[in-house]
Amino acid sequence: MKTSSPGTHASRFGRLVATLLVLGAVVAGRAVPAAAQLIDTDTIEDPFIQLNDGNRPDKDTFTIRGQVNVNPGQDPVATGVADGAIALVYQSGSALGSFVLVDTEIFTASECKSKSGGRSLVCRNGDGSFLRLRGTQSNPGSYRAHVAVKRQEFSPGKPFGLPLSAEIQVGGFDWIGSGVVDYCSVSHNGERTTCRSSKAGPG
C-alpha cells in the first residue's frame, strides 16, 4: 500500500541533526496517543532509514533498522501475530520539526508469524517485503527491528526533505523513535537517500 503527500524539499546532501519523534508528539499532522505505549519511548538505538527512488515504475524501496525496547509486560510478537503491523517513512516538511508521509506498507495478521519460540515476529508479503522484530533470551525486553519494503512508487519522489523519520506500528500501537539521526546523504546519482546515526559513519 502506498500513500504520499507533497512537501518542501531540503538540501539534497547535508549533515543534519534531528531527533526522531517520541510517543505523544505530532507526526505529519497526526497526534499520536500518549497512552499507546507498547514500546519504551526513550530510544530507537542506532537508527537507520533509507529510501531508494529509481526511474523504473513500482521499483522504489525503503528500509528501516534499529533496536527498540519494550515496556514491561508487553508482548509485541503476540500482538503482531494477532493484529498485524505497519511500517511508515517520512521526510521533513516545510515547517520546522514537521514531517510529511512518504510511504507506508501494511502487513496483515495472516502475514505475520511468531518465530524462535515466541521471541521474534516476522511479517512477509507477496511482494517480498518484510518486517522483523528479533528478540533475544538475554534481553527479553529488547528487539532488533528490520523492515525492507519493495515494489513501491514514491509520488512525489526524490529529492526528499532531510532528515528522514520512521514509524513501526504493531497492532495499532505506535513504535516511534527518539534516537538521533544526524548523518544524511544522497548517493547513486540522487536515487538513494540515507539517514543514520553519526557514529555509524558515512559508508
N, C-alpha and C. Protein backbone atom coordinates (compact mmCIF):
# COMPACT_ATOMS: atom_id res chain seq x y z
N MET A 1 0.85 -1.18 0.00
CA MET A 1 0.00 0.00 0.00
C MET A 1 0.87 1.22 0.00
N LYS A 2 0.58 2.22 -0.81
CA LYS A 2 1.42 3.38 -0.96
C LYS A 2 0.61 4.64 -0.72
N THR A 3 1.09 5.53 0.13
CA THR A 3 0.44 6.78 0.43
C THR A 3 1.48 7.87 0.43
N SER A 4 1.21 9.01 -0.23
CA SER A 4 2.19 10.07 -0.31
C SER A 4 1.52 11.41 -0.13
N SER A 5 2.31 12.39 0.31
CA SER A 5 1.84 13.75 0.47
C SER A 5 2.94 14.69 0.02
N PRO A 6 2.58 15.85 -0.56
CA PRO A 6 3.59 16.78 -1.01
C PRO A 6 4.30 17.44 0.15
N GLY A 7 5.54 17.89 -0.06
CA GLY A 7 6.28 18.60 0.97
C GLY A 7 7.39 19.42 0.35
N THR A 8 7.93 20.36 1.12
CA THR A 8 9.03 21.18 0.65
C THR A 8 10.34 20.45 0.88
N HIS A 9 11.21 20.42 -0.11
CA HIS A 9 12.42 19.63 -0.04
C HIS A 9 13.59 20.46 0.50
N ALA A 10 14.42 19.83 1.32
CA ALA A 10 15.60 20.49 1.86
C ALA A 10 16.79 20.16 0.97
N SER A 11 17.98 20.48 1.42
CA SER A 11 19.20 20.22 0.67
C SER A 11 19.31 18.75 0.31
N ARG A 12 19.81 18.44 -0.87
CA ARG A 12 19.94 17.06 -1.32
C ARG A 12 21.11 16.36 -0.65
N PHE A 13 22.01 17.12 -0.09
CA PHE A 13 23.13 16.46 0.60
C PHE A 13 23.49 17.31 1.80
N GLY A 14 23.57 16.72 2.95
CA GLY A 14 23.93 17.51 4.12
C GLY A 14 24.12 16.67 5.35
N ARG A 15 24.84 17.23 6.28
CA ARG A 15 24.98 16.61 7.59
C ARG A 15 24.04 17.36 8.52
N LEU A 16 22.94 16.71 8.90
CA LEU A 16 21.87 17.37 9.63
C LEU A 16 21.63 16.66 10.94
N VAL A 17 21.15 17.39 11.90
CA VAL A 17 20.86 16.83 13.21
C VAL A 17 19.37 16.90 13.47
N ALA A 18 18.77 15.77 13.86
CA ALA A 18 17.33 15.75 14.17
C ALA A 18 17.07 14.64 15.15
N THR A 19 16.01 14.76 15.87
CA THR A 19 15.57 13.72 16.79
C THR A 19 14.28 13.12 16.26
N LEU A 20 14.24 11.77 16.09
CA LEU A 20 13.02 11.12 15.66
C LEU A 20 11.96 11.34 16.73
N LEU A 21 10.69 11.42 16.30
CA LEU A 21 9.62 11.81 17.19
C LEU A 21 9.30 10.76 18.23
N VAL A 22 8.91 11.20 19.44
CA VAL A 22 8.54 10.29 20.51
C VAL A 22 7.04 10.16 20.59
N LEU A 23 6.56 9.14 21.32
CA LEU A 23 5.13 8.96 21.51
C LEU A 23 4.53 10.19 22.16
N GLY A 24 3.34 10.57 21.67
CA GLY A 24 2.66 11.74 22.18
C GLY A 24 2.97 12.98 21.37
N ALA A 25 3.92 12.88 20.41
CA ALA A 25 4.23 14.01 19.54
C ALA A 25 3.30 13.99 18.34
N VAL A 26 3.49 14.93 17.42
CA VAL A 26 2.67 15.00 16.22
C VAL A 26 3.49 14.57 15.03
N VAL A 27 3.00 13.57 14.27
CA VAL A 27 3.67 13.07 13.09
C VAL A 27 2.81 13.39 11.88
N ALA A 28 3.35 14.16 10.95
CA ALA A 28 2.65 14.51 9.72
C ALA A 28 1.25 15.05 10.03
N GLY A 29 1.16 15.88 11.06
CA GLY A 29 -0.11 16.49 11.40
C GLY A 29 -1.05 15.60 12.16
N ARG A 30 -0.60 14.40 12.56
CA ARG A 30 -1.47 13.44 13.24
C ARG A 30 -0.97 13.23 14.65
N ALA A 31 -1.82 13.49 15.62
CA ALA A 31 -1.43 13.30 17.01
C ALA A 31 -1.35 11.82 17.34
N VAL A 32 -0.31 11.41 18.02
CA VAL A 32 -0.14 10.03 18.44
C VAL A 32 -0.52 9.92 19.91
N PRO A 33 -1.46 9.07 20.28
CA PRO A 33 -1.91 8.98 21.67
C PRO A 33 -0.78 8.58 22.61
N ALA A 34 -0.57 9.38 23.66
CA ALA A 34 0.50 9.09 24.60
C ALA A 34 0.22 7.82 25.39
N ALA A 35 -1.05 7.40 25.47
CA ALA A 35 -1.40 6.22 26.25
C ALA A 35 -0.98 4.93 25.56
N ALA A 36 -0.77 4.97 24.24
CA ALA A 36 -0.44 3.77 23.49
C ALA A 36 1.06 3.53 23.56
N GLN A 37 1.53 3.07 24.71
CA GLN A 37 2.96 2.94 24.92
C GLN A 37 3.36 1.48 25.05
N LEU A 38 3.26 0.77 23.94
CA LEU A 38 3.75 -0.60 23.90
C LEU A 38 5.26 -0.61 24.03
N ILE A 39 5.88 0.41 23.45
CA ILE A 39 7.34 0.48 23.46
C ILE A 39 7.82 1.49 24.49
N ASP A 40 8.99 1.23 25.03
CA ASP A 40 9.68 2.21 25.84
C ASP A 40 10.02 3.39 24.92
N THR A 41 9.57 4.59 25.26
CA THR A 41 9.69 5.71 24.33
C THR A 41 11.06 6.38 24.35
N ASP A 42 11.99 5.83 25.12
CA ASP A 42 13.27 6.50 25.23
C ASP A 42 14.07 6.51 23.93
N THR A 43 14.17 5.37 23.27
CA THR A 43 15.06 5.34 22.11
C THR A 43 14.67 4.31 21.06
N ILE A 44 15.01 4.61 19.81
CA ILE A 44 15.32 3.57 18.83
C ILE A 44 16.82 3.70 18.65
N GLU A 45 17.56 2.72 19.12
CA GLU A 45 19.01 2.81 19.12
C GLU A 45 19.57 2.50 17.74
N ASP A 46 20.65 3.21 17.39
CA ASP A 46 21.32 3.03 16.10
C ASP A 46 20.34 3.09 14.94
N PRO A 47 19.53 4.14 14.84
CA PRO A 47 18.52 4.19 13.78
C PRO A 47 19.14 4.31 12.39
N PHE A 48 18.48 3.68 11.43
CA PHE A 48 18.90 3.70 10.02
C PHE A 48 17.64 3.76 9.17
N ILE A 49 17.56 4.73 8.27
CA ILE A 49 16.42 4.86 7.36
C ILE A 49 16.96 5.13 5.97
N GLN A 50 16.45 4.40 4.98
CA GLN A 50 16.92 4.59 3.61
C GLN A 50 15.77 4.52 2.62
N LEU A 51 15.74 5.47 1.69
CA LEU A 51 14.77 5.49 0.59
C LEU A 51 15.53 5.31 -0.72
N ASN A 52 15.07 4.39 -1.56
CA ASN A 52 15.64 4.19 -2.89
C ASN A 52 14.58 4.52 -3.92
N ASP A 53 14.79 5.59 -4.66
CA ASP A 53 13.82 6.08 -5.64
C ASP A 53 14.49 6.13 -7.01
N GLY A 54 14.32 5.04 -7.77
CA GLY A 54 14.91 4.96 -9.10
C GLY A 54 13.96 5.43 -10.19
N ASN A 55 14.27 5.08 -11.41
CA ASN A 55 13.49 5.53 -12.56
C ASN A 55 12.56 4.46 -13.11
N ARG A 56 12.60 3.25 -12.53
CA ARG A 56 11.72 2.19 -13.00
C ARG A 56 10.41 2.18 -12.22
N PRO A 57 9.27 2.03 -12.89
CA PRO A 57 7.96 2.06 -12.20
C PRO A 57 7.84 0.96 -11.16
N ASP A 58 7.28 1.30 -10.03
CA ASP A 58 7.00 0.34 -8.96
C ASP A 58 8.23 -0.43 -8.49
N LYS A 59 9.39 0.22 -8.51
CA LYS A 59 10.62 -0.42 -8.05
C LYS A 59 11.26 0.33 -6.89
N ASP A 60 10.58 1.34 -6.34
CA ASP A 60 11.12 2.07 -5.21
C ASP A 60 11.10 1.19 -3.97
N THR A 61 12.02 1.43 -3.05
CA THR A 61 12.12 0.64 -1.82
C THR A 61 12.43 1.54 -0.63
N PHE A 62 12.07 1.05 0.57
CA PHE A 62 12.56 1.72 1.78
C PHE A 62 12.97 0.70 2.83
N THR A 63 13.91 1.11 3.68
CA THR A 63 14.46 0.25 4.71
C THR A 63 14.48 1.01 6.04
N ILE A 64 14.13 0.31 7.12
CA ILE A 64 14.21 0.84 8.48
C ILE A 64 14.94 -0.18 9.33
N ARG A 65 15.92 0.27 10.10
CA ARG A 65 16.59 -0.63 11.05
C ARG A 65 16.83 0.11 12.36
N GLY A 66 16.88 -0.64 13.45
CA GLY A 66 17.18 -0.06 14.75
C GLY A 66 16.80 -1.02 15.85
N GLN A 67 17.16 -0.69 17.07
CA GLN A 67 16.82 -1.53 18.22
C GLN A 67 15.79 -0.81 19.08
N VAL A 68 14.73 -1.53 19.47
CA VAL A 68 13.65 -0.94 20.27
C VAL A 68 13.50 -1.71 21.57
N ASN A 69 13.11 -0.99 22.61
CA ASN A 69 12.94 -1.57 23.94
C ASN A 69 11.48 -1.50 24.35
N VAL A 70 10.93 -2.63 24.78
CA VAL A 70 9.51 -2.74 25.08
C VAL A 70 9.25 -2.50 26.56
N ASN A 71 8.16 -1.83 26.86
CA ASN A 71 7.77 -1.62 28.24
C ASN A 71 7.47 -2.95 28.92
N PRO A 72 7.72 -3.08 30.21
CA PRO A 72 7.49 -4.34 30.93
C PRO A 72 6.06 -4.85 30.77
N GLY A 73 5.95 -6.16 30.56
CA GLY A 73 4.63 -6.79 30.45
C GLY A 73 4.03 -6.78 29.07
N GLN A 74 4.69 -6.13 28.08
CA GLN A 74 4.17 -6.06 26.73
C GLN A 74 4.78 -7.15 25.86
N ASP A 75 3.99 -7.65 24.90
CA ASP A 75 4.44 -8.73 24.02
C ASP A 75 4.17 -8.33 22.57
N PRO A 76 5.11 -7.67 21.90
CA PRO A 76 4.89 -7.24 20.52
C PRO A 76 4.74 -8.40 19.55
N VAL A 77 5.33 -9.57 19.88
CA VAL A 77 5.22 -10.72 18.98
C VAL A 77 3.77 -11.21 18.94
N ALA A 78 3.18 -11.44 20.10
CA ALA A 78 1.79 -11.90 20.15
C ALA A 78 0.85 -10.86 19.57
N THR A 79 1.13 -9.58 19.82
CA THR A 79 0.29 -8.51 19.28
C THR A 79 0.35 -8.47 17.77
N GLY A 80 1.55 -8.62 17.21
CA GLY A 80 1.71 -8.60 15.75
C GLY A 80 1.05 -9.79 15.08
N VAL A 81 1.15 -10.97 15.69
CA VAL A 81 0.50 -12.16 15.12
C VAL A 81 -1.01 -11.99 15.11
N ALA A 82 -1.55 -11.35 16.13
CA ALA A 82 -3.00 -11.18 16.24
C ALA A 82 -3.52 -10.04 15.37
N ASP A 83 -2.74 -8.97 15.23
CA ASP A 83 -3.28 -7.75 14.61
C ASP A 83 -2.49 -7.22 13.43
N GLY A 84 -1.32 -7.79 13.13
CA GLY A 84 -0.53 -7.30 12.02
C GLY A 84 0.35 -6.11 12.40
N ALA A 85 0.98 -5.51 11.40
CA ALA A 85 1.92 -4.41 11.64
C ALA A 85 1.95 -3.48 10.43
N ILE A 86 2.43 -2.26 10.66
CA ILE A 86 2.52 -1.24 9.62
C ILE A 86 3.87 -0.55 9.73
N ALA A 87 4.51 -0.27 8.60
CA ALA A 87 5.75 0.49 8.57
C ALA A 87 5.53 1.76 7.75
N LEU A 88 6.04 2.88 8.25
CA LEU A 88 5.86 4.17 7.58
C LEU A 88 7.18 4.93 7.58
N VAL A 89 7.41 5.71 6.52
CA VAL A 89 8.58 6.57 6.44
C VAL A 89 8.12 7.99 6.09
N TYR A 90 8.87 8.98 6.62
CA TYR A 90 8.52 10.39 6.46
C TYR A 90 9.74 11.17 6.01
N GLN A 91 9.48 12.29 5.32
CA GLN A 91 10.51 13.26 5.04
C GLN A 91 10.18 14.55 5.82
N SER A 92 11.17 15.42 5.98
CA SER A 92 10.93 16.67 6.68
C SER A 92 10.00 17.56 5.87
N GLY A 93 9.11 18.25 6.58
CA GLY A 93 8.16 19.15 5.94
C GLY A 93 8.68 20.57 5.89
N SER A 94 7.83 21.48 5.43
CA SER A 94 8.24 22.87 5.26
C SER A 94 8.34 23.61 6.59
N ALA A 95 7.58 23.17 7.61
CA ALA A 95 7.63 23.79 8.93
C ALA A 95 8.70 23.13 9.79
N LEU A 96 9.35 23.90 10.63
CA LEU A 96 10.40 23.38 11.49
C LEU A 96 9.85 22.26 12.38
N GLY A 97 10.50 21.10 12.34
CA GLY A 97 10.08 19.98 13.17
C GLY A 97 8.93 19.17 12.62
N SER A 98 8.41 19.52 11.44
CA SER A 98 7.29 18.77 10.87
C SER A 98 7.79 17.69 9.92
N PHE A 99 6.98 16.63 9.78
CA PHE A 99 7.32 15.53 8.88
C PHE A 99 6.12 15.22 7.99
N VAL A 100 6.41 14.82 6.76
CA VAL A 100 5.39 14.52 5.75
C VAL A 100 5.53 13.07 5.33
N LEU A 101 4.41 12.35 5.30
CA LEU A 101 4.43 10.93 4.94
C LEU A 101 4.91 10.72 3.51
N VAL A 102 5.85 9.81 3.34
CA VAL A 102 6.35 9.43 2.01
C VAL A 102 5.68 8.13 1.55
N ASP A 103 5.66 7.12 2.44
CA ASP A 103 5.15 5.82 2.02
C ASP A 103 4.80 4.98 3.24
N THR A 104 3.93 4.02 3.04
CA THR A 104 3.54 3.11 4.12
C THR A 104 3.29 1.72 3.56
N GLU A 105 3.53 0.70 4.38
CA GLU A 105 3.29 -0.68 3.99
C GLU A 105 2.56 -1.39 5.13
N ILE A 106 1.47 -2.06 4.80
CA ILE A 106 0.66 -2.77 5.78
C ILE A 106 0.92 -4.28 5.68
N PHE A 107 1.19 -4.90 6.82
CA PHE A 107 1.32 -6.35 6.91
C PHE A 107 0.13 -6.86 7.72
N THR A 108 -0.70 -7.71 7.12
CA THR A 108 -1.88 -8.21 7.81
C THR A 108 -1.48 -9.27 8.83
N ALA A 109 -2.41 -9.60 9.71
CA ALA A 109 -2.15 -10.62 10.73
C ALA A 109 -1.79 -11.96 10.09
N SER A 110 -2.40 -12.28 8.95
CA SER A 110 -2.12 -13.55 8.29
C SER A 110 -0.71 -13.60 7.70
N GLU A 111 -0.08 -12.43 7.53
CA GLU A 111 1.27 -12.36 7.00
C GLU A 111 2.33 -12.33 8.11
N CYS A 112 1.91 -12.35 9.36
CA CYS A 112 2.83 -12.24 10.49
C CYS A 112 2.87 -13.54 11.29
N LYS A 113 4.06 -13.99 11.61
CA LYS A 113 4.23 -15.25 12.34
C LYS A 113 5.21 -15.08 13.49
N SER A 114 5.04 -15.91 14.50
CA SER A 114 5.95 -15.97 15.63
C SER A 114 7.09 -16.93 15.31
N LYS A 115 8.32 -16.52 15.63
CA LYS A 115 9.49 -17.35 15.38
C LYS A 115 10.33 -17.46 16.65
N SER A 116 11.27 -18.39 16.63
CA SER A 116 12.24 -18.56 17.72
C SER A 116 11.57 -18.70 19.08
N GLY A 117 10.56 -19.57 19.14
CA GLY A 117 9.89 -19.82 20.40
C GLY A 117 9.15 -18.63 20.96
N GLY A 118 8.65 -17.78 20.08
CA GLY A 118 7.89 -16.62 20.52
C GLY A 118 8.73 -15.39 20.81
N ARG A 119 10.03 -15.45 20.54
CA ARG A 119 10.90 -14.30 20.81
C ARG A 119 10.99 -13.34 19.64
N SER A 120 10.54 -13.76 18.45
CA SER A 120 10.67 -12.91 17.28
C SER A 120 9.37 -12.88 16.47
N LEU A 121 9.13 -11.75 15.82
CA LEU A 121 7.99 -11.57 14.93
C LEU A 121 8.52 -11.38 13.52
N VAL A 122 7.97 -12.13 12.56
CA VAL A 122 8.34 -11.98 11.15
C VAL A 122 7.07 -11.82 10.34
N CYS A 123 6.96 -10.70 9.63
CA CYS A 123 5.84 -10.44 8.72
C CYS A 123 6.40 -10.35 7.31
N ARG A 124 5.77 -11.06 6.37
CA ARG A 124 6.26 -11.08 5.00
C ARG A 124 5.08 -11.15 4.04
N ASN A 125 5.12 -10.35 2.96
CA ASN A 125 4.01 -10.36 2.00
C ASN A 125 4.45 -10.86 0.63
N GLY A 126 3.51 -10.89 -0.30
CA GLY A 126 3.77 -11.44 -1.62
C GLY A 126 4.72 -10.63 -2.46
N ASP A 127 4.97 -9.36 -2.10
CA ASP A 127 5.91 -8.52 -2.83
C ASP A 127 7.35 -8.77 -2.43
N GLY A 128 7.55 -9.61 -1.41
CA GLY A 128 8.89 -9.85 -0.91
C GLY A 128 9.30 -8.86 0.17
N SER A 129 8.39 -8.00 0.61
CA SER A 129 8.67 -7.07 1.69
C SER A 129 8.56 -7.79 3.02
N PHE A 130 9.33 -7.34 4.02
CA PHE A 130 9.24 -7.97 5.33
C PHE A 130 9.43 -6.95 6.45
N LEU A 131 8.89 -7.31 7.60
CA LEU A 131 9.08 -6.58 8.85
C LEU A 131 9.46 -7.61 9.90
N ARG A 132 10.58 -7.38 10.59
CA ARG A 132 11.05 -8.36 11.56
C ARG A 132 11.42 -7.67 12.88
N LEU A 133 10.95 -8.23 13.97
CA LEU A 133 11.39 -7.84 15.31
C LEU A 133 12.05 -9.07 15.92
N ARG A 134 13.33 -8.99 16.16
CA ARG A 134 14.08 -10.16 16.62
C ARG A 134 14.49 -9.95 18.08
N GLY A 135 13.93 -10.78 18.96
CA GLY A 135 14.25 -10.71 20.38
C GLY A 135 15.33 -11.70 20.76
N THR A 136 15.83 -11.58 21.99
CA THR A 136 16.86 -12.48 22.48
C THR A 136 16.51 -12.96 23.88
N GLN A 137 17.03 -14.10 24.25
CA GLN A 137 16.81 -14.62 25.59
C GLN A 137 17.52 -13.77 26.63
N SER A 138 18.68 -13.25 26.29
CA SER A 138 19.48 -12.49 27.26
C SER A 138 18.84 -11.15 27.62
N ASN A 139 18.08 -10.56 26.69
CA ASN A 139 17.44 -9.27 26.95
C ASN A 139 16.03 -9.30 26.39
N PRO A 140 15.08 -9.91 27.10
CA PRO A 140 13.73 -10.14 26.56
C PRO A 140 12.95 -8.87 26.26
N GLY A 141 13.34 -7.74 26.83
CA GLY A 141 12.60 -6.51 26.57
C GLY A 141 13.14 -5.71 25.40
N SER A 142 14.13 -6.24 24.69
CA SER A 142 14.76 -5.52 23.58
C SER A 142 14.60 -6.29 22.28
N TYR A 143 14.29 -5.58 21.21
CA TYR A 143 14.07 -6.19 19.90
C TYR A 143 14.84 -5.43 18.84
N ARG A 144 15.47 -6.18 17.95
CA ARG A 144 16.13 -5.57 16.80
C ARG A 144 15.12 -5.50 15.66
N ALA A 145 14.82 -4.30 15.21
CA ALA A 145 13.83 -4.10 14.15
C ALA A 145 14.51 -3.98 12.79
N HIS A 146 13.95 -4.65 11.79
CA HIS A 146 14.44 -4.56 10.41
C HIS A 146 13.24 -4.62 9.48
N VAL A 147 13.05 -3.58 8.70
CA VAL A 147 11.96 -3.50 7.74
C VAL A 147 12.55 -3.26 6.36
N ALA A 148 12.14 -4.04 5.37
CA ALA A 148 12.56 -3.83 3.98
C ALA A 148 11.32 -3.93 3.11
N VAL A 149 10.96 -2.83 2.47
CA VAL A 149 9.73 -2.76 1.67
C VAL A 149 10.10 -2.54 0.21
N LYS A 150 9.52 -3.36 -0.67
CA LYS A 150 9.85 -3.35 -2.09
C LYS A 150 8.63 -2.98 -2.93
N ARG A 151 8.88 -2.79 -4.22
CA ARG A 151 7.84 -2.59 -5.24
C ARG A 151 6.91 -1.42 -4.91
N GLN A 152 7.50 -0.31 -4.52
CA GLN A 152 6.74 0.90 -4.24
C GLN A 152 6.89 1.90 -5.38
N GLU A 153 6.06 2.94 -5.34
CA GLU A 153 6.17 4.04 -6.29
C GLU A 153 5.98 5.33 -5.50
N PHE A 154 7.10 5.98 -5.11
CA PHE A 154 7.02 7.20 -4.33
C PHE A 154 6.51 8.34 -5.21
N SER A 155 5.50 9.04 -4.76
CA SER A 155 4.96 10.16 -5.53
C SER A 155 4.39 11.21 -4.57
N PRO A 156 5.01 12.39 -4.43
CA PRO A 156 6.25 12.77 -5.13
C PRO A 156 7.45 12.01 -4.60
N GLY A 157 8.46 11.92 -5.44
CA GLY A 157 9.65 11.19 -5.06
C GLY A 157 10.81 12.12 -4.76
N LYS A 158 12.01 11.69 -5.11
CA LYS A 158 13.23 12.45 -4.83
C LYS A 158 13.20 13.80 -5.53
N PRO A 159 13.92 14.80 -5.01
CA PRO A 159 14.72 14.77 -3.78
C PRO A 159 13.84 14.89 -2.54
N PHE A 160 14.21 14.22 -1.46
CA PHE A 160 13.42 14.22 -0.23
C PHE A 160 13.94 15.28 0.74
N GLY A 161 13.02 15.79 1.56
CA GLY A 161 13.41 16.71 2.61
C GLY A 161 14.12 15.95 3.72
N LEU A 162 15.29 16.41 4.10
CA LEU A 162 16.09 15.74 5.12
C LEU A 162 16.01 16.49 6.44
N PRO A 163 16.11 15.75 7.56
CA PRO A 163 16.33 14.31 7.72
C PRO A 163 15.04 13.53 7.55
N LEU A 164 15.17 12.21 7.54
CA LEU A 164 14.02 11.32 7.44
C LEU A 164 13.57 10.86 8.82
N SER A 165 12.35 10.36 8.90
CA SER A 165 11.82 9.79 10.13
C SER A 165 11.07 8.51 9.78
N ALA A 166 10.87 7.65 10.76
CA ALA A 166 10.20 6.37 10.51
C ALA A 166 9.33 5.98 11.68
N GLU A 167 8.39 5.09 11.40
CA GLU A 167 7.44 4.63 12.41
C GLU A 167 7.10 3.17 12.13
N ILE A 168 7.02 2.37 13.19
CA ILE A 168 6.55 1.00 13.08
C ILE A 168 5.37 0.85 14.02
N GLN A 169 4.24 0.40 13.51
CA GLN A 169 3.05 0.17 14.31
C GLN A 169 2.80 -1.33 14.42
N VAL A 170 2.59 -1.80 15.62
CA VAL A 170 2.27 -3.21 15.85
C VAL A 170 0.91 -3.26 16.53
N GLY A 171 -0.09 -3.79 15.84
CA GLY A 171 -1.42 -3.90 16.41
C GLY A 171 -2.03 -2.58 16.82
N GLY A 172 -1.73 -1.51 16.08
CA GLY A 172 -2.30 -0.21 16.40
C GLY A 172 -1.49 0.60 17.38
N PHE A 173 -0.48 -0.01 18.00
CA PHE A 173 0.41 0.73 18.90
C PHE A 173 1.55 1.32 18.09
N ASP A 174 1.92 2.55 18.40
CA ASP A 174 2.99 3.24 17.68
C ASP A 174 4.35 2.97 18.31
N TRP A 175 5.30 2.60 17.50
CA TRP A 175 6.69 2.48 17.92
C TRP A 175 7.43 3.59 17.20
N ILE A 176 7.70 4.67 17.90
CA ILE A 176 8.30 5.82 17.25
C ILE A 176 9.65 6.11 17.87
N GLY A 177 10.62 6.39 17.05
CA GLY A 177 11.97 6.58 17.55
C GLY A 177 12.19 7.93 18.19
N SER A 178 13.09 7.94 19.15
CA SER A 178 13.55 9.20 19.69
C SER A 178 15.07 9.27 19.65
N GLY A 179 15.66 8.38 18.87
CA GLY A 179 17.11 8.39 18.71
C GLY A 179 17.54 9.47 17.74
N VAL A 180 18.79 9.87 17.83
CA VAL A 180 19.30 10.94 16.97
C VAL A 180 19.78 10.38 15.63
N VAL A 181 19.30 10.95 14.55
CA VAL A 181 19.76 10.61 13.20
C VAL A 181 20.43 11.86 12.66
N ASP A 182 21.75 11.91 12.73
CA ASP A 182 22.43 13.16 12.40
C ASP A 182 23.41 13.05 11.24
N TYR A 183 23.29 11.97 10.46
CA TYR A 183 24.08 11.88 9.23
C TYR A 183 23.17 11.49 8.09
N CYS A 184 22.98 12.39 7.14
CA CYS A 184 22.12 12.14 5.98
C CYS A 184 22.91 12.38 4.71
N SER A 185 22.71 11.53 3.73
CA SER A 185 23.43 11.69 2.47
C SER A 185 22.57 11.22 1.31
N VAL A 186 22.92 11.70 0.13
CA VAL A 186 22.27 11.28 -1.11
C VAL A 186 23.34 10.70 -2.03
N SER A 187 23.08 9.51 -2.59
CA SER A 187 24.07 8.83 -3.41
C SER A 187 23.40 8.16 -4.61
N HIS A 188 24.19 7.40 -5.36
CA HIS A 188 23.71 6.67 -6.54
C HIS A 188 22.96 7.60 -7.49
N ASN A 189 23.63 8.71 -7.84
CA ASN A 189 23.07 9.69 -8.79
C ASN A 189 21.73 10.24 -8.31
N GLY A 190 21.59 10.42 -7.01
CA GLY A 190 20.39 11.01 -6.45
C GLY A 190 19.28 10.03 -6.14
N GLU A 191 19.49 8.74 -6.44
CA GLU A 191 18.42 7.77 -6.26
C GLU A 191 18.32 7.26 -4.81
N ARG A 192 19.40 7.30 -4.05
CA ARG A 192 19.40 6.72 -2.70
C ARG A 192 19.59 7.82 -1.65
N THR A 193 18.65 7.88 -0.70
CA THR A 193 18.72 8.83 0.39
C THR A 193 18.81 8.04 1.70
N THR A 194 19.83 8.33 2.51
CA THR A 194 20.10 7.55 3.70
C THR A 194 20.33 8.47 4.89
N CYS A 195 19.67 8.16 6.01
CA CYS A 195 19.92 8.83 7.29
C CYS A 195 20.26 7.77 8.32
N ARG A 196 21.29 8.03 9.11
CA ARG A 196 21.73 7.07 10.12
C ARG A 196 22.38 7.81 11.27
N SER A 197 22.67 7.06 12.33
CA SER A 197 23.39 7.63 13.45
C SER A 197 24.80 8.04 13.01
N SER A 198 25.27 9.16 13.51
CA SER A 198 26.58 9.66 13.07
C SER A 198 27.70 8.70 13.43
N LYS A 199 27.55 7.94 14.52
CA LYS A 199 28.63 7.05 14.91
C LYS A 199 28.83 5.91 13.94
N ALA A 200 27.80 5.69 13.07
CA ALA A 200 27.93 4.63 12.05
C ALA A 200 28.81 5.10 10.90
N GLY A 201 28.98 6.43 10.76
CA GLY A 201 29.82 6.95 9.70
C GLY A 201 29.09 7.02 8.37
N PRO A 202 29.75 7.56 7.34
CA PRO A 202 29.08 7.84 6.07
C PRO A 202 29.01 6.68 5.10
N GLY A 203 29.48 5.48 5.46
CA GLY A 203 29.57 4.39 4.50
C GLY A 203 28.27 3.90 3.95
